[in-house]
Amino acid sequence: MILAVKNLNLSFEDRTGRRKILDDVSFSVEEGQIVGIVGLSGAGKTSLLRTLNLLQPVDSGEIFFDGKNIVNLKDDEIRKMRKKIGVVFQSFNLFRNRTVSQNIAFPLKIQGLTGREVKEKVEKISGELGLDHRIQAYPSQLSGGEQQRAAIARALVMDPKMILLDEPTSALDPKTTGRLLDLVVELNQKHRITFVVVTHDMDVIKRTCDKVAYLENGRLKFFGPAHEFFVKVEKNEVRDFGTPLELDRKAVEHKGKIIRVLFWGKKTHEAVMWKVARELDVSVNILYGKIEELKHGPFGAMIIGIEGEQQDLFIQRLRESVYSLEEVE
């Protein structure tokens, strides 16, 4: 386990008094995982991210990183800890008057590496992130995607065990976003770096995340595998986040029962439903449906109308073969 957050509390003072930002938050992250932090604006996502390397001090609670509680570390110990945790801010925080090469080299020079060592590491990292042809460019000459890569390169050059990303796709177009997400997954797999990502972009969760932390008004309402988060979305248990399939009763004329079925993994593409329908002579009508590719497999959601004398047996048999099934009122 690379990270464990226990009973974390954080509050800020404003005009109305003391306001709770994080309320008894607890979760843990295994080494090499990618974890997404999601929630509505003001839920406490970025505040939580900033506590993970003590950029934001906490009121109470414990944060264990690499086996050590970092909350009460002294200043020199905090500096050592931060060498192992890279941070990429939403605004990239690149030095505008320095080239890509100089930006990447900056943390290495602070550590006292020789000029040759710095040059070798900068060339290696810039090549790995596809920046070798832009190494002498200034941030103002880079595209949004290139700036994001330069910021990641600067974090990566210190050989961190964990990287914190704050809204990494917020300023990127869809094509550039896709490339960046592929890069994050590639770095994760190649270097076994743990990533914790704050995002409002569901594609980030779908394509990169092993687990999801959902915050609501400072409280952790869900923490678990990404596919279980999408189950919560489809069941409308995650308030105002994501878009579940909804049945418009006025627009649908159906005499039989209507069911909501969720599929996960290999069974998403299996013809289980049609096989059971044929065996029981039940008519099946797909009213709404979607299949999405998540990092660890496909996830499907359908609203289905069924008719026939053996509707109840069909529901019973199908429930045994799918991730989730419930009747729609």
Protein backbone atom coordinates (compact mmCIF):
# COMPACT_ATOMS: atom_id res chain seq x y z
CA MET A 1 0.00 0.00 0.00
CA ILE A 2 1.48 3.33 -1.09
CA LEU A 3 -1.11 5.70 0.42
CA ALA A 4 -3.58 5.51 3.30
CA VAL A 5 -5.78 8.41 4.36
CA LYS A 6 -7.48 8.02 7.74
CA ASN A 7 -10.21 10.22 9.24
CA LEU A 8 -9.00 13.34 7.45
CA ASN A 9 -10.61 16.65 8.41
CA LEU A 10 -10.02 20.10 6.95
CA SER A 11 -11.81 23.41 7.43
CA PHE A 12 -11.36 27.01 6.30
CA GLU A 13 -12.37 30.29 7.88
CA ASP A 14 -14.66 32.53 5.83
CA ARG A 15 -17.12 35.38 6.47
CA THR A 16 -19.73 33.01 7.86
CA GLY A 17 -17.30 31.30 10.23
CA ARG A 18 -15.53 27.94 10.12
CA ARG A 19 -16.48 25.95 7.01
CA LYS A 20 -15.88 22.21 6.73
CA ILE A 21 -13.98 21.29 3.53
CA LEU A 22 -13.15 17.63 4.21
CA ASP A 23 -15.17 15.62 6.69
CA ASP A 24 -13.72 12.37 8.08
CA VAL A 25 -12.29 11.15 4.75
CA SER A 26 -10.64 7.71 4.68
CA PHE A 27 -9.36 5.58 1.78
CA SER A 28 -6.26 3.66 0.69
CA VAL A 29 -4.37 3.28 -2.59
CA GLU A 30 -2.24 0.34 -3.67
CA GLU A 31 1.09 0.95 -5.37
CA GLY A 32 0.72 1.28 -9.14
CA GLN A 33 -2.97 2.16 -9.12
CA ILE A 34 -4.58 5.14 -10.84
CA VAL A 35 -7.25 6.70 -8.64
CA GLY A 36 -9.68 9.37 -9.80
CA ILE A 37 -11.19 11.94 -7.42
CA VAL A 38 -14.53 13.24 -8.69
CA GLY A 39 -17.43 15.34 -7.47
CA LEU A 40 -19.23 18.59 -8.12
CA SER A 41 -17.52 21.97 -7.83
CA GLY A 42 -16.85 22.78 -4.18
CA ALA A 43 -16.90 19.13 -3.11
CA GLY A 44 -13.31 19.33 -1.81
CA LYS A 45 -11.49 17.49 -4.62
CA THR A 46 -8.50 19.80 -5.08
CA SER A 47 -8.26 20.44 -1.34
CA LEU A 48 -7.99 16.68 -0.78
CA LEU A 49 -5.33 16.37 -3.48
CA ARG A 50 -3.27 19.16 -1.92
CA THR A 51 -3.31 17.45 1.48
CA LEU A 52 -1.64 14.33 0.07
CA ASN A 53 1.79 16.00 0.04
CA LEU A 54 0.93 18.60 2.71
CA LEU A 55 0.65 21.55 0.35
CA GLN A 56 -2.52 21.97 2.41
CA PRO A 57 -2.14 21.27 6.15
CA VAL A 58 -5.02 19.36 7.75
CA ASP A 59 -6.98 19.92 10.96
CA SER A 60 -6.83 16.28 12.03
CA GLY A 61 -6.39 12.77 10.70
CA GLU A 62 -3.52 10.72 9.32
CA ILE A 63 -1.91 10.42 5.89
CA PHE A 64 0.41 7.46 5.45
CA PHE A 65 2.65 7.67 2.39
CA ASP A 66 5.09 4.84 1.70
CA GLY A 67 4.52 3.51 5.22
CA LYS A 68 5.11 6.77 7.12
CA ASN A 69 2.58 9.17 8.65
CA ILE A 70 3.47 12.47 6.98
CA VAL A 71 1.07 14.74 8.87
CA ASN A 72 3.48 15.60 11.68
CA LEU A 73 6.75 15.58 9.74
CA LYS A 74 9.29 18.34 10.29
CA ASP A 75 10.17 20.72 7.45
CA ASP A 76 13.29 18.86 6.31
CA GLU A 77 11.39 15.56 6.35
CA ILE A 78 8.55 17.11 4.33
CA ARG A 79 11.04 18.21 1.69
CA LYS A 80 12.40 14.66 1.43
CA MET A 81 8.88 13.25 1.21
CA ARG A 82 7.92 15.65 -1.60
CA LYS A 83 10.78 14.36 -3.75
CA LYS A 84 8.79 11.12 -4.01
CA ILE A 85 5.50 12.85 -4.93
CA GLY A 86 5.25 14.73 -8.21
CA VAL A 87 2.55 17.37 -8.67
CA VAL A 88 1.07 18.69 -11.92
CA PHE A 89 -1.21 21.66 -11.33
CA GLN A 90 -4.17 22.65 -13.48
CA SER A 91 -2.29 25.74 -14.72
CA PHE A 92 0.88 23.64 -15.39
CA ASN A 93 3.03 26.12 -13.34
CA LEU A 94 5.83 26.16 -15.89
CA PHE A 95 8.39 28.94 -15.69
CA ARG A 96 7.42 31.20 -18.58
CA ASN A 97 10.94 32.60 -19.07
CA ARG A 98 12.59 29.18 -19.23
CA THR A 99 12.70 26.63 -22.04
CA VAL A 100 11.19 23.16 -21.79
CA SER A 101 14.67 21.80 -21.10
CA GLN A 102 15.27 24.34 -18.32
CA ASN A 103 11.86 23.65 -16.77
CA ILE A 104 12.49 19.91 -16.66
CA ALA A 105 16.04 20.43 -15.35
CA PHE A 106 15.01 22.80 -12.55
CA PRO A 107 14.29 20.24 -9.78
CA LEU A 108 17.41 18.26 -10.71
CA LYS A 109 19.67 21.29 -10.32
CA ILE A 110 18.15 22.02 -6.90
CA GLN A 111 19.17 18.48 -5.88
CA GLY A 112 22.77 19.21 -6.86
CA LEU A 113 23.14 16.85 -9.83
CA THR A 114 26.06 17.50 -12.16
CA GLY A 115 25.52 19.19 -15.51
CA ARG A 116 26.06 15.91 -17.32
CA GLU A 117 23.60 14.02 -15.11
CA VAL A 118 20.98 16.73 -15.61
CA LYS A 119 21.46 16.71 -19.39
CA GLU A 120 21.14 12.91 -19.59
CA LYS A 121 17.96 12.80 -17.50
CA VAL A 122 16.33 15.69 -19.35
CA GLU A 123 17.05 14.09 -22.72
CA LYS A 124 15.72 10.73 -21.55
CA ILE A 125 12.47 12.10 -20.09
CA SER A 126 11.80 14.56 -22.92
CA GLY A 127 12.26 11.76 -25.44
CA GLU A 128 9.95 9.43 -23.54
CA LEU A 129 7.22 12.09 -23.45
CA GLY A 130 7.63 13.11 -27.08
CA LEU A 131 9.10 16.54 -26.31
CA ASP A 132 12.60 16.10 -27.72
CA HIS A 133 11.77 18.28 -30.75
CA ARG A 134 10.42 21.07 -28.49
CA ILE A 135 13.17 21.06 -25.90
CA GLN A 136 14.36 24.62 -26.64
CA ALA A 137 10.85 26.10 -26.93
CA TYR A 138 9.32 28.36 -24.29
CA PRO A 139 5.92 27.59 -22.71
CA SER A 140 4.23 30.35 -24.74
CA GLN A 141 5.31 28.53 -27.91
CA LEU A 142 3.76 25.22 -26.85
CA SER A 143 0.27 23.85 -27.38
CA GLY A 144 -1.84 22.99 -24.34
CA GLY A 145 -0.99 19.32 -24.71
CA GLU A 146 2.73 20.06 -24.97
CA GLN A 147 2.60 22.24 -21.86
CA GLN A 148 0.87 19.43 -20.00
CA ARG A 149 3.54 16.96 -21.13
CA ALA A 150 6.30 19.36 -20.05
CA ALA A 151 4.71 19.66 -16.60
CA ILE A 152 4.46 15.86 -16.33
CA ALA A 153 8.08 15.53 -17.48
CA ARG A 154 9.21 17.90 -14.73
CA ALA A 155 7.36 15.78 -12.17
CA LEU A 156 8.60 12.52 -13.66
CA VAL A 157 12.27 13.49 -13.81
CA MET A 158 12.59 13.10 -10.02
CA ASP A 159 11.61 9.40 -10.23
CA PRO A 160 8.57 9.82 -7.96
CA LYS A 161 6.55 6.97 -6.49
CA MET A 162 3.32 8.93 -6.90
CA ILE A 163 2.12 11.80 -9.12
CA LEU A 164 -0.81 14.08 -8.28
CA LEU A 165 -2.71 15.49 -11.28
CA ASP A 166 -5.18 18.36 -10.88
CA GLU A 167 -7.71 18.53 -13.76
CA PRO A 168 -5.13 17.41 -16.37
CA THR A 169 -7.55 17.58 -19.33
CA SER A 170 -9.47 20.77 -18.50
CA ALA A 171 -7.73 22.92 -21.14
CA LEU A 172 -7.33 20.26 -23.83
CA ASP A 173 -9.34 19.36 -26.92
CA PRO A 174 -10.73 15.78 -27.21
CA LYS A 175 -7.92 14.49 -29.46
CA THR A 176 -5.17 15.89 -27.23
CA THR A 177 -7.02 14.58 -24.18
CA GLY A 178 -6.98 11.08 -25.64
CA ARG A 179 -3.24 11.24 -26.23
CA LEU A 180 -2.60 12.50 -22.72
CA LEU A 181 -4.67 9.72 -21.15
CA ASP A 182 -2.79 7.13 -23.20
CA LEU A 183 0.45 8.67 -21.91
CA VAL A 184 -0.67 8.48 -18.27
CA VAL A 185 -1.58 4.80 -18.64
CA GLU A 186 1.72 4.11 -20.41
CA LEU A 187 3.77 5.81 -17.67
CA ASN A 188 1.77 3.99 -15.02
CA GLN A 189 2.42 0.60 -16.58
CA LYS A 190 6.06 1.24 -17.52
CA HIS A 191 7.25 2.84 -14.28
CA ARG A 192 4.59 1.49 -11.89
CA ILE A 193 3.93 5.04 -10.73
CA THR A 194 0.80 5.62 -8.67
CA PHE A 195 -1.41 8.44 -9.98
CA VAL A 196 -4.10 10.34 -8.08
CA VAL A 197 -6.16 12.45 -10.48
CA VAL A 198 -8.73 15.16 -9.76
CA THR A 199 -11.09 15.40 -12.72
CA HIS A 200 -14.55 16.40 -13.89
CA ASP A 201 -14.04 14.46 -17.14
CA MET A 202 -15.74 11.05 -17.15
CA ASP A 203 -13.42 9.90 -19.96
CA VAL A 204 -10.50 10.18 -17.54
CA ILE A 205 -12.29 7.78 -15.20
CA LYS A 206 -13.31 5.39 -17.97
CA ARG A 207 -9.94 5.16 -19.70
CA THR A 208 -7.38 5.38 -16.91
CA CYS A 209 -8.74 4.75 -13.42
CA ASP A 210 -8.61 1.57 -11.37
CA LYS A 211 -10.57 3.14 -8.51
CA VAL A 212 -12.75 6.19 -7.96
CA ALA A 213 -13.24 8.45 -4.94
CA TYR A 214 -16.51 10.40 -5.10
CA LEU A 215 -16.77 13.45 -2.83
CA GLU A 216 -19.98 15.23 -1.93
CA ASN A 217 -19.83 18.31 0.31
CA GLY A 218 -16.49 17.21 1.73
CA ARG A 219 -17.59 13.68 2.58
CA LEU A 220 -16.40 10.56 0.78
CA LYS A 221 -19.63 9.02 -0.51
CA PHE A 222 -17.99 6.27 -2.55
CA PHE A 223 -14.58 4.68 -2.92
CA GLY A 224 -14.08 1.56 -4.99
CA PRO A 225 -13.46 0.05 -8.43
CA ALA A 226 -14.33 2.22 -11.43
CA HIS A 227 -17.03 -0.14 -12.71
CA GLU A 228 -18.80 -0.05 -9.33
CA PHE A 229 -18.83 3.74 -9.55
CA PHE A 230 -20.63 3.52 -12.89
CA VAL A 231 -23.12 1.12 -11.32
CA LYS A 232 -23.84 3.86 -8.77
CA VAL A 233 -24.28 6.35 -11.62
CA GLU A 234 -26.76 4.09 -13.43
CA LYS A 235 -28.73 3.51 -10.23
CA ASN A 236 -28.82 7.28 -9.67
CA GLU A 237 -27.06 6.85 -6.33
CA VAL A 238 -24.39 9.40 -7.26
CA ARG A 239 -26.14 12.75 -7.06
CA ASP A 240 -25.84 15.09 -10.05
CA PHE A 241 -22.79 13.33 -11.47
CA GLY A 242 -22.89 11.23 -14.60
CA THR A 243 -25.91 10.51 -16.77
CA PRO A 244 -27.88 7.34 -16.04
CA LEU A 245 -30.28 5.80 -18.52
CA GLU A 246 -33.76 7.10 -17.74
CA LEU A 247 -37.09 5.71 -18.90
CA ASP A 248 -39.65 8.15 -20.27
CA ARG A 249 -42.90 6.35 -19.47
CA LYS A 250 -44.93 8.77 -21.59
CA ALA A 251 -42.81 8.06 -24.66
CA VAL A 252 -42.79 4.27 -24.23
CA GLU A 253 -45.80 2.04 -24.77
CA HIS A 254 -45.14 -1.36 -23.28
CA LYS A 255 -47.60 -3.82 -21.73
CA GLY A 256 -45.13 -6.16 -20.04
CA LYS A 257 -42.50 -5.64 -17.40
CA ILE A 258 -39.59 -3.25 -17.81
CA ILE A 259 -36.19 -4.05 -16.31
CA ARG A 260 -32.84 -2.28 -15.97
CA VAL A 261 -29.87 -4.56 -16.62
CA LEU A 262 -26.19 -3.79 -15.95
CA PHE A 263 -23.39 -5.85 -17.50
CA TRP A 264 -19.72 -5.85 -16.57
CA GLY A 265 -16.68 -7.56 -18.06
CA LYS A 266 -16.73 -10.40 -20.58
CA LYS A 267 -20.45 -11.08 -20.14
CA THR A 268 -21.23 -7.64 -21.56
CA HIS A 269 -20.74 -9.00 -25.07
CA GLU A 270 -22.25 -12.44 -24.46
CA ALA A 271 -25.72 -13.25 -25.82
CA VAL A 272 -27.00 -14.41 -22.43
CA MET A 273 -30.23 -12.41 -22.59
CA TRP A 274 -31.21 -13.66 -26.04
CA LYS A 275 -30.45 -17.27 -25.10
CA VAL A 276 -32.73 -17.13 -22.05
CA ALA A 277 -35.43 -15.32 -24.03
CA ARG A 278 -35.47 -18.06 -26.70
CA GLU A 279 -35.60 -20.84 -24.12
CA LEU A 280 -38.57 -19.27 -22.32
CA ASP A 281 -40.33 -17.82 -25.37
CA VAL A 282 -40.15 -14.30 -23.96
CA SER A 283 -40.22 -11.27 -26.24
CA VAL A 284 -37.41 -8.77 -25.56
CA ASN A 285 -37.43 -5.13 -26.65
CA ILE A 286 -34.38 -2.95 -25.92
CA LEU A 287 -35.76 0.50 -25.08
CA TYR A 288 -32.46 2.17 -24.17
CA GLY A 289 -28.90 0.89 -24.10
CA LYS A 290 -25.22 1.77 -24.05
CA ILE A 291 -21.88 -0.02 -23.77
CA GLU A 292 -18.74 1.80 -22.64
CA GLU A 293 -15.16 0.59 -22.55
CA LEU A 294 -13.59 1.03 -19.12
CA LYS A 295 -9.94 0.40 -18.32
CA HIS A 296 -10.57 -3.14 -17.06
CA GLY A 297 -13.34 -4.17 -19.43
CA PRO A 298 -16.67 -3.18 -20.98
CA PHE A 299 -19.61 -1.89 -18.96
CA GLY A 300 -23.14 -2.01 -20.35
CA ALA A 301 -26.49 -0.62 -19.24
CA MET A 302 -29.86 -1.42 -20.80
CA ILE A 303 -33.52 -0.74 -20.12
CA ILE A 304 -35.50 -3.63 -21.56
CA GLY A 305 -39.18 -4.34 -22.08
CA ILE A 306 -40.24 -7.99 -21.84
CA GLU A 307 -43.49 -9.79 -22.66
CA GLY A 308 -44.55 -13.41 -22.30
CA GLU A 309 -46.04 -15.86 -19.85
CA GLN A 310 -42.70 -16.62 -18.22
CA GLN A 311 -41.54 -13.06 -17.53
CA ASP A 312 -40.78 -13.77 -13.87
CA LEU A 313 -38.70 -16.85 -14.68
CA PHE A 314 -36.87 -14.87 -17.37
CA ILE A 315 -35.98 -12.20 -14.80
CA GLN A 316 -34.84 -14.86 -12.32
CA ARG A 317 -32.65 -16.63 -14.88
CA LEU A 318 -31.17 -13.45 -16.33
CA ARG A 319 -30.37 -12.06 -12.86
CA GLU A 320 -28.04 -15.05 -12.32
CA SER A 321 -25.96 -14.10 -15.37
CA VAL A 322 -25.65 -10.30 -15.22
CA TYR A 323 -24.01 -7.84 -12.83
CA SER A 324 -27.26 -6.22 -11.72
CA LEU A 325 -30.96 -6.40 -12.59
CA GLU A 326 -33.94 -4.52 -11.20
CA GLU A 327 -37.50 -3.89 -12.27
CA VAL A 328 -38.39 -0.35 -13.33
CA GLU A 329 -41.55 1.05 -11.81
